[in-house]
Amino acid sequence: MIPAPSSRDQAHLLRLPNWLGDLILSIPAVRLYQSWLRDRAPLLVAGPASLAPLAPVLLPGLEYLSVPRWPLAFHSEIKKRNVASAVAFPNSLRVALEIFPAPYRAGFERNWRNPLLTETQPRRTSPYGFIHIADQYLGLLEDLGLPKGKKELPAPPPSLPKPAEAPTKRYLAVFPGAAYGPAKRWDPASFAAVIRDLVREHSLEPILMGGAGDGESCQAVAEAYGSDIRDLSGKTSTLDLAHWIAHASFVLCHDSGPMHLAAFLRRPGVAIFGSTEPAWTGPLGDTITVARHKVSCSPCFLKVCPLDRRCMTRLTPEEVLSACRHRLAPA
């Protein structure tokens, strides 16, 4: 069990997930831990340096520690902060090595890393379906002695500045990439078809967005669109991305980090699912609608489809457009 705090001088640490989407899905668990501590000890959160700029937006009031590339290099930070208890959400050997100096170390059970942790718990499963990742993180803390929590996102920040380069008119933020792999990416021509109809019906200015690795996907959609379309792929930081999404009138994306960021910021949108499972990684809250054409081999969770990508090719622009229209309809 997670040891109850006995001194304000002994910190508790949560090692957060490495992916943006998973980090956002861990926020209900982070807040549960923070509530349980009740200021009896400081709570530190740690994760990759790439996500550090977003920490003040996603986890205001908590100190975020950037983890070095070399896991043993984090040991000095653990000792300097006098970390008495460390819980890891990622299930890798690397993360178990990172937190090794902490007297109490807990995480999900994995045979090859269990000896490095002082307590392990199996991931929660169900014979009736998938357990959402947010519930798995909450379940880990519950199995380690904390009270039961709910997979609810806290209120978003009251306001984020609108990017200076953002258009004055309402805009549509489109994320055609998916860092996980090509199996999660919808057809560029289908994206272009939906964008055209949304622009015509709702007078939205379309903007293609994504990370440095999404340039090819954005370019393919731009070519299929045929008209001038702004492409910001690889030109925004993770913090910039939050500001752009916060002021978007609508978000069109895959099952991805931007989808979860839009859900956190309570922006309306549609997320396209194919090889993954909404019951496992779906967005929290009620502002994002999932568009999916269920096929027998989905979810496969593969990065590259060994067949014909039928979960994506059979999802028509009309199906996605219908989901967008429903989400954009006046309340």
Protein backbone atom coordinates (compact mmCIF):
# COMPACT_ATOMS: atom_id res chain seq x y z
CA MET A 1 0.00 0.00 0.00
CA ILE A 2 1.12 3.55 -0.67
CA PRO A 3 2.55 4.74 2.65
CA ALA A 4 0.58 7.53 4.27
CA PRO A 5 2.57 10.75 4.34
CA SER A 6 4.35 11.30 7.63
CA SER A 7 6.32 14.46 6.88
CA ARG A 8 6.08 17.48 4.61
CA ASP A 9 9.75 16.90 3.89
CA GLN A 10 9.08 13.61 2.11
CA ALA A 11 7.63 13.95 -1.37
CA HIS A 12 5.36 11.63 -3.32
CA LEU A 13 5.97 11.16 -7.04
CA LEU A 14 3.75 10.09 -9.92
CA ARG A 15 5.61 9.05 -13.08
CA LEU A 16 3.19 10.05 -15.83
CA PRO A 17 2.71 8.36 -19.23
CA ASN A 18 4.98 9.36 -22.11
CA TRP A 19 2.27 10.05 -24.70
CA LEU A 20 0.17 13.21 -24.62
CA GLY A 21 -3.13 11.36 -24.89
CA ASP A 22 -2.29 8.88 -22.13
CA LEU A 23 -1.02 11.70 -19.92
CA ILE A 24 -4.38 13.46 -20.24
CA LEU A 25 -6.17 10.20 -19.44
CA SER A 26 -4.07 9.96 -16.27
CA ILE A 27 -5.19 13.38 -14.99
CA PRO A 28 -8.18 12.03 -12.99
CA ALA A 29 -5.76 9.69 -11.19
CA VAL A 30 -3.30 12.52 -10.54
CA ARG A 31 -6.07 14.63 -9.01
CA LEU A 32 -7.22 11.68 -6.90
CA TYR A 33 -3.70 11.27 -5.51
CA GLN A 34 -3.45 15.01 -4.87
CA SER A 35 -6.79 14.99 -3.03
CA TRP A 36 -5.72 11.99 -0.93
CA LEU A 37 -2.52 13.71 0.16
CA ARG A 38 -4.49 16.78 1.34
CA ASP A 39 -1.33 18.91 1.57
CA ARG A 40 0.23 16.43 4.01
CA ALA A 41 3.14 16.00 1.59
CA PRO A 42 4.14 17.54 -1.74
CA LEU A 43 3.11 15.72 -4.91
CA LEU A 44 5.57 15.80 -7.79
CA VAL A 45 4.79 14.63 -11.32
CA ALA A 46 7.40 13.48 -13.81
CA GLY A 47 7.37 12.80 -17.54
CA PRO A 48 9.13 13.47 -20.82
CA ALA A 49 10.64 16.89 -21.42
CA SER A 50 8.56 17.26 -24.60
CA LEU A 51 5.36 17.54 -22.53
CA ALA A 52 6.75 19.88 -19.87
CA PRO A 53 5.46 23.09 -21.56
CA LEU A 54 1.89 21.74 -21.30
CA ALA A 55 2.13 20.88 -17.61
CA PRO A 56 0.90 24.31 -16.37
CA VAL A 57 -2.17 23.91 -18.60
CA LEU A 58 -2.95 20.28 -17.82
CA LEU A 59 -1.77 20.11 -14.20
CA PRO A 60 -1.78 23.61 -12.75
CA GLY A 61 -0.25 23.94 -9.32
CA LEU A 62 1.90 20.80 -9.59
CA GLU A 63 5.63 20.76 -10.17
CA TYR A 64 6.56 18.82 -13.31
CA LEU A 65 9.97 17.15 -13.45
CA SER A 66 11.39 16.41 -16.89
CA VAL A 67 12.91 12.94 -17.03
CA PRO A 68 16.34 12.70 -18.69
CA ARG A 69 16.91 10.33 -21.60
CA TRP A 70 19.24 8.18 -19.49
CA PRO A 71 17.00 6.66 -16.77
CA LEU A 72 19.71 6.47 -14.10
CA ALA A 73 20.29 10.21 -14.49
CA PHE A 74 16.96 10.76 -12.72
CA HIS A 75 18.24 9.16 -9.52
CA SER A 76 19.87 12.37 -8.31
CA GLU A 77 16.52 14.20 -8.64
CA ILE A 78 14.72 11.48 -6.67
CA LYS A 79 17.26 11.80 -3.87
CA LYS A 80 17.38 15.60 -3.94
CA ARG A 81 13.58 15.83 -3.63
CA ASN A 82 13.55 13.21 -0.87
CA VAL A 83 10.94 11.12 -2.67
CA ALA A 84 9.56 8.57 -0.24
CA SER A 85 6.90 7.06 -2.52
CA ALA A 86 6.87 6.71 -6.31
CA VAL A 87 4.08 5.28 -8.44
CA ALA A 88 4.67 4.66 -12.15
CA PHE A 89 1.86 4.59 -14.69
CA PRO A 90 4.05 3.40 -17.63
CA ASN A 91 4.81 -0.30 -17.46
CA SER A 92 8.33 -0.23 -18.92
CA LEU A 93 11.59 -1.42 -17.43
CA ARG A 94 13.06 2.01 -18.09
CA VAL A 95 10.56 3.75 -15.82
CA ALA A 96 11.14 1.21 -13.04
CA LEU A 97 14.85 2.07 -13.27
CA GLU A 98 14.10 5.80 -13.12
CA ILE A 99 12.33 5.61 -9.76
CA PHE A 100 14.58 2.97 -8.18
CA PRO A 101 16.05 5.21 -5.41
CA ALA A 102 12.59 5.80 -3.87
CA PRO A 103 12.01 3.56 -0.81
CA TYR A 104 8.50 2.68 -2.01
CA ARG A 105 8.04 1.97 -5.73
CA ALA A 106 4.81 0.72 -7.26
CA GLY A 107 3.35 0.12 -10.70
CA PHE A 108 1.62 -2.34 -12.99
CA GLU A 109 2.78 -5.93 -12.83
CA ARG A 110 5.25 -7.00 -15.52
CA ASN A 111 7.32 -10.13 -14.80
CA TRP A 112 10.61 -8.82 -16.14
CA ARG A 113 10.57 -5.61 -14.07
CA ASN A 114 8.74 -6.71 -10.90
CA PRO A 115 11.98 -7.16 -8.89
CA LEU A 116 12.70 -3.44 -9.32
CA LEU A 117 9.42 -2.44 -7.64
CA THR A 118 8.37 -2.89 -4.02
CA GLU A 119 4.71 -3.45 -4.95
CA THR A 120 2.99 -4.41 -8.19
CA GLN A 121 -0.64 -4.76 -9.20
CA PRO A 122 -2.09 -6.33 -12.36
CA ARG A 123 -3.83 -4.11 -14.87
CA ARG A 124 -7.54 -4.29 -14.40
CA THR A 125 -9.32 -6.37 -17.02
CA SER A 126 -12.88 -7.41 -17.67
CA PRO A 127 -14.39 -10.48 -19.37
CA TYR A 128 -17.15 -8.21 -20.69
CA GLY A 129 -15.06 -5.68 -22.60
CA PHE A 130 -12.29 -3.16 -22.39
CA ILE A 131 -11.38 -1.23 -19.25
CA HIS A 132 -10.74 2.39 -20.19
CA ILE A 133 -7.14 3.47 -19.66
CA ALA A 134 -8.28 6.26 -17.33
CA ASP A 135 -10.00 3.62 -15.19
CA GLN A 136 -6.85 1.49 -15.25
CA TYR A 137 -4.80 4.34 -13.79
CA LEU A 138 -7.47 5.03 -11.17
CA GLY A 139 -7.70 1.29 -10.49
CA LEU A 140 -3.97 1.04 -9.87
CA LEU A 141 -4.17 3.73 -7.19
CA GLU A 142 -7.25 2.08 -5.66
CA ASP A 143 -5.43 -1.28 -5.56
CA LEU A 144 -2.56 0.52 -3.81
CA GLY A 145 -4.87 1.74 -1.07
CA LEU A 146 -6.36 5.02 -2.30
CA PRO A 147 -10.14 5.64 -2.44
CA LYS A 148 -12.13 4.98 -5.58
CA GLY A 149 -12.06 7.78 -8.14
CA LYS A 150 -14.00 8.81 -11.25
CA LYS A 151 -12.62 9.26 -14.75
CA GLU A 152 -13.65 12.90 -14.98
CA LEU A 153 -11.44 15.67 -16.27
CA PRO A 154 -11.07 18.77 -14.11
CA ALA A 155 -12.25 22.11 -15.40
CA PRO A 156 -10.00 23.46 -18.17
CA PRO A 157 -8.00 26.64 -17.65
CA PRO A 158 -10.26 29.72 -17.69
CA SER A 159 -8.58 31.09 -20.80
CA LEU A 160 -5.61 30.55 -23.06
CA PRO A 161 -4.42 33.39 -25.28
CA LYS A 162 -5.47 33.14 -28.88
CA PRO A 163 -2.46 32.67 -31.19
CA ALA A 164 -1.49 35.90 -32.91
CA GLU A 165 -1.47 34.08 -36.26
CA ALA A 166 -4.98 32.66 -35.80
CA PRO A 167 -7.65 33.85 -38.24
CA THR A 168 -10.24 36.34 -37.08
CA LYS A 169 -13.04 34.13 -38.43
CA ARG A 170 -14.09 30.79 -37.00
CA TYR A 171 -11.70 28.01 -37.91
CA LEU A 172 -11.60 24.24 -38.24
CA ALA A 173 -8.51 22.51 -36.80
CA VAL A 174 -7.77 19.33 -38.77
CA PHE A 175 -5.26 16.70 -37.59
CA PRO A 176 -4.83 14.09 -40.35
CA GLY A 177 -1.75 12.50 -38.78
CA ALA A 178 -1.41 9.80 -36.15
CA ALA A 179 1.98 9.20 -34.57
CA TYR A 180 1.09 5.61 -33.65
CA GLY A 181 1.17 4.42 -37.26
CA PRO A 182 -0.54 4.40 -40.67
CA ALA A 183 -3.22 1.93 -39.58
CA LYS A 184 -4.88 4.77 -37.67
CA ARG A 185 -4.93 7.25 -40.57
CA TRP A 186 -8.01 7.93 -42.65
CA ASP A 187 -7.79 8.50 -46.41
CA PRO A 188 -6.60 12.04 -47.38
CA ALA A 189 -9.27 12.37 -50.08
CA SER A 190 -11.95 11.55 -47.50
CA PHE A 191 -10.57 14.20 -45.15
CA ALA A 192 -10.63 16.71 -48.00
CA ALA A 193 -14.24 15.87 -48.86
CA VAL A 194 -15.40 16.46 -45.28
CA ILE A 195 -13.41 19.69 -45.02
CA ARG A 196 -15.04 21.05 -48.20
CA ASP A 197 -18.55 20.42 -46.90
CA LEU A 198 -17.81 21.87 -43.45
CA VAL A 199 -16.30 24.99 -45.02
CA ARG A 200 -19.31 25.42 -47.28
CA GLU A 201 -21.95 24.73 -44.64
CA HIS A 202 -20.43 26.50 -41.63
CA SER A 203 -18.06 29.12 -43.10
CA LEU A 204 -15.10 27.68 -41.24
CA GLU A 205 -11.51 28.37 -42.27
CA PRO A 206 -9.67 25.02 -42.40
CA ILE A 207 -6.21 24.71 -40.86
CA LEU A 208 -4.11 21.56 -41.08
CA MET A 209 -2.14 20.86 -37.91
CA GLY A 210 0.15 18.27 -36.39
CA GLY A 211 3.65 17.51 -35.24
CA ALA A 212 6.84 17.34 -37.27
CA GLY A 213 6.05 13.76 -38.27
CA ASP A 214 2.61 14.67 -39.64
CA GLY A 215 3.84 16.78 -42.56
CA GLU A 216 3.32 14.06 -45.14
CA SER A 217 -0.25 13.38 -43.99
CA CYS A 218 -1.09 17.09 -44.03
CA GLN A 219 0.45 17.54 -47.47
CA ALA A 220 -1.61 14.64 -48.84
CA VAL A 221 -4.82 16.22 -47.52
CA ALA A 222 -3.82 19.62 -48.93
CA GLU A 223 -3.24 18.08 -52.37
CA ALA A 224 -6.58 16.26 -52.24
CA TYR A 225 -8.34 19.45 -51.13
CA GLY A 226 -7.21 21.24 -54.25
CA SER A 227 -7.58 24.81 -52.97
CA ASP A 228 -5.31 26.88 -50.77
CA ILE A 229 -5.32 25.54 -47.25
CA ARG A 230 -3.10 26.59 -44.38
CA ASP A 231 -0.68 23.91 -43.17
CA LEU A 232 0.91 24.37 -39.73
CA SER A 233 2.26 20.82 -39.34
CA GLY A 234 5.58 20.87 -37.53
CA LYS A 235 5.34 24.62 -36.94
CA THR A 236 3.78 24.65 -33.47
CA SER A 237 5.04 23.56 -30.07
CA THR A 238 2.87 21.40 -27.82
CA LEU A 239 1.90 24.53 -25.90
CA ASP A 240 1.07 26.39 -29.13
CA LEU A 241 -1.12 23.44 -30.07
CA ALA A 242 -3.17 23.86 -26.91
CA HIS A 243 -3.72 27.53 -27.70
CA TRP A 244 -4.83 26.77 -31.27
CA ILE A 245 -7.21 24.03 -30.14
CA ALA A 246 -8.63 26.17 -27.33
CA HIS A 247 -9.88 28.72 -29.88
CA ALA A 248 -10.94 26.32 -32.64
CA SER A 249 -14.63 26.20 -33.48
CA PHE A 250 -14.31 22.54 -34.39
CA VAL A 251 -11.67 19.80 -34.32
CA LEU A 252 -11.43 16.90 -36.78
CA CYS A 253 -8.85 14.27 -35.86
CA HIS A 254 -7.97 10.62 -35.29
CA ASP A 255 -7.62 8.77 -32.01
CA SER A 256 -4.61 10.86 -30.99
CA GLY A 257 -3.08 13.27 -28.51
CA PRO A 258 -4.84 16.27 -30.08
CA MET A 259 -8.17 14.47 -29.65
CA HIS A 260 -7.59 14.15 -25.91
CA LEU A 261 -6.31 17.72 -25.71
CA ALA A 262 -9.50 18.95 -27.43
CA ALA A 263 -11.57 16.92 -24.96
CA PHE A 264 -9.64 18.44 -22.04
CA LEU A 265 -10.22 21.95 -23.42
CA ARG A 266 -13.92 21.13 -24.02
CA ARG A 267 -13.78 21.86 -27.75
CA PRO A 268 -16.38 20.23 -30.03
CA GLY A 269 -15.08 17.77 -32.56
CA VAL A 270 -15.16 14.38 -34.24
CA ALA A 271 -12.49 11.72 -33.78
CA ILE A 272 -12.01 8.93 -36.32
CA PHE A 273 -11.36 5.46 -34.90
CA GLY A 274 -10.35 2.36 -36.83
CA SER A 275 -7.71 0.00 -35.49
CA THR A 276 -8.13 1.15 -31.90
CA GLU A 277 -11.02 0.89 -29.43
CA PRO A 278 -13.02 3.86 -28.06
CA ALA A 279 -13.95 1.85 -24.96
CA TRP A 280 -10.23 1.68 -24.16
CA THR A 281 -8.74 4.96 -25.41
CA GLY A 282 -11.78 7.08 -26.20
CA PRO A 283 -11.98 10.76 -25.24
CA LEU A 284 -13.27 11.72 -21.81
CA GLY A 285 -16.20 14.09 -21.48
CA ASP A 286 -18.95 14.68 -24.00
CA THR A 287 -17.58 17.20 -26.51
CA ILE A 288 -15.91 14.76 -28.91
CA THR A 289 -17.99 12.40 -31.05
CA VAL A 290 -16.41 9.15 -32.22
CA ALA A 291 -16.81 8.22 -35.91
CA ARG A 292 -16.22 4.54 -36.59
CA HIS A 293 -17.15 1.87 -39.12
CA LYS A 294 -16.95 -1.36 -37.13
CA VAL A 295 -15.41 -4.33 -38.91
CA SER A 296 -14.71 -7.82 -37.62
CA CYS A 297 -10.94 -7.39 -37.30
CA SER A 298 -11.14 -4.13 -35.34
CA PRO A 299 -9.72 -3.34 -32.88
CA CYS A 300 -6.39 -4.92 -33.80
CA PHE A 301 -4.17 -2.20 -32.29
CA LEU A 302 -1.63 -2.75 -35.08
CA LYS A 303 0.51 0.12 -36.33
CA VAL A 304 0.46 -1.20 -39.90
CA CYS A 305 -2.53 -3.08 -41.30
CA PRO A 306 -1.61 -6.47 -42.84
CA LEU A 307 -4.88 -6.52 -44.82
CA ASP A 308 -6.65 -3.70 -46.67
CA ARG A 309 -7.26 -1.12 -43.90
CA ARG A 310 -10.96 -1.91 -44.14
CA CYS A 311 -11.75 -0.21 -40.83
CA MET A 312 -10.64 3.04 -42.48
CA THR A 313 -11.56 2.54 -46.14
CA ARG A 314 -15.13 1.54 -45.27
CA LEU A 315 -15.66 4.64 -43.15
CA THR A 316 -17.19 7.02 -45.68
CA PRO A 317 -17.01 10.83 -45.77
CA GLU A 318 -20.78 10.84 -45.41
CA GLU A 319 -20.58 8.98 -42.10
CA VAL A 320 -17.98 11.37 -40.70
CA LEU A 321 -19.80 14.41 -42.06
CA SER A 322 -23.02 13.24 -40.42
CA ALA A 323 -21.20 13.05 -37.05
CA CYS A 324 -19.78 16.54 -37.62
CA ARG A 325 -23.17 17.99 -38.50
CA HIS A 326 -24.71 16.47 -35.41
CA ARG A 327 -21.97 17.92 -33.20
CA LEU A 328 -22.19 21.34 -34.88
CA ALA A 329 -25.96 21.52 -34.71
CA PRO A 330 -27.33 24.22 -32.38
CA ALA A 331 -28.26 22.91 -28.94
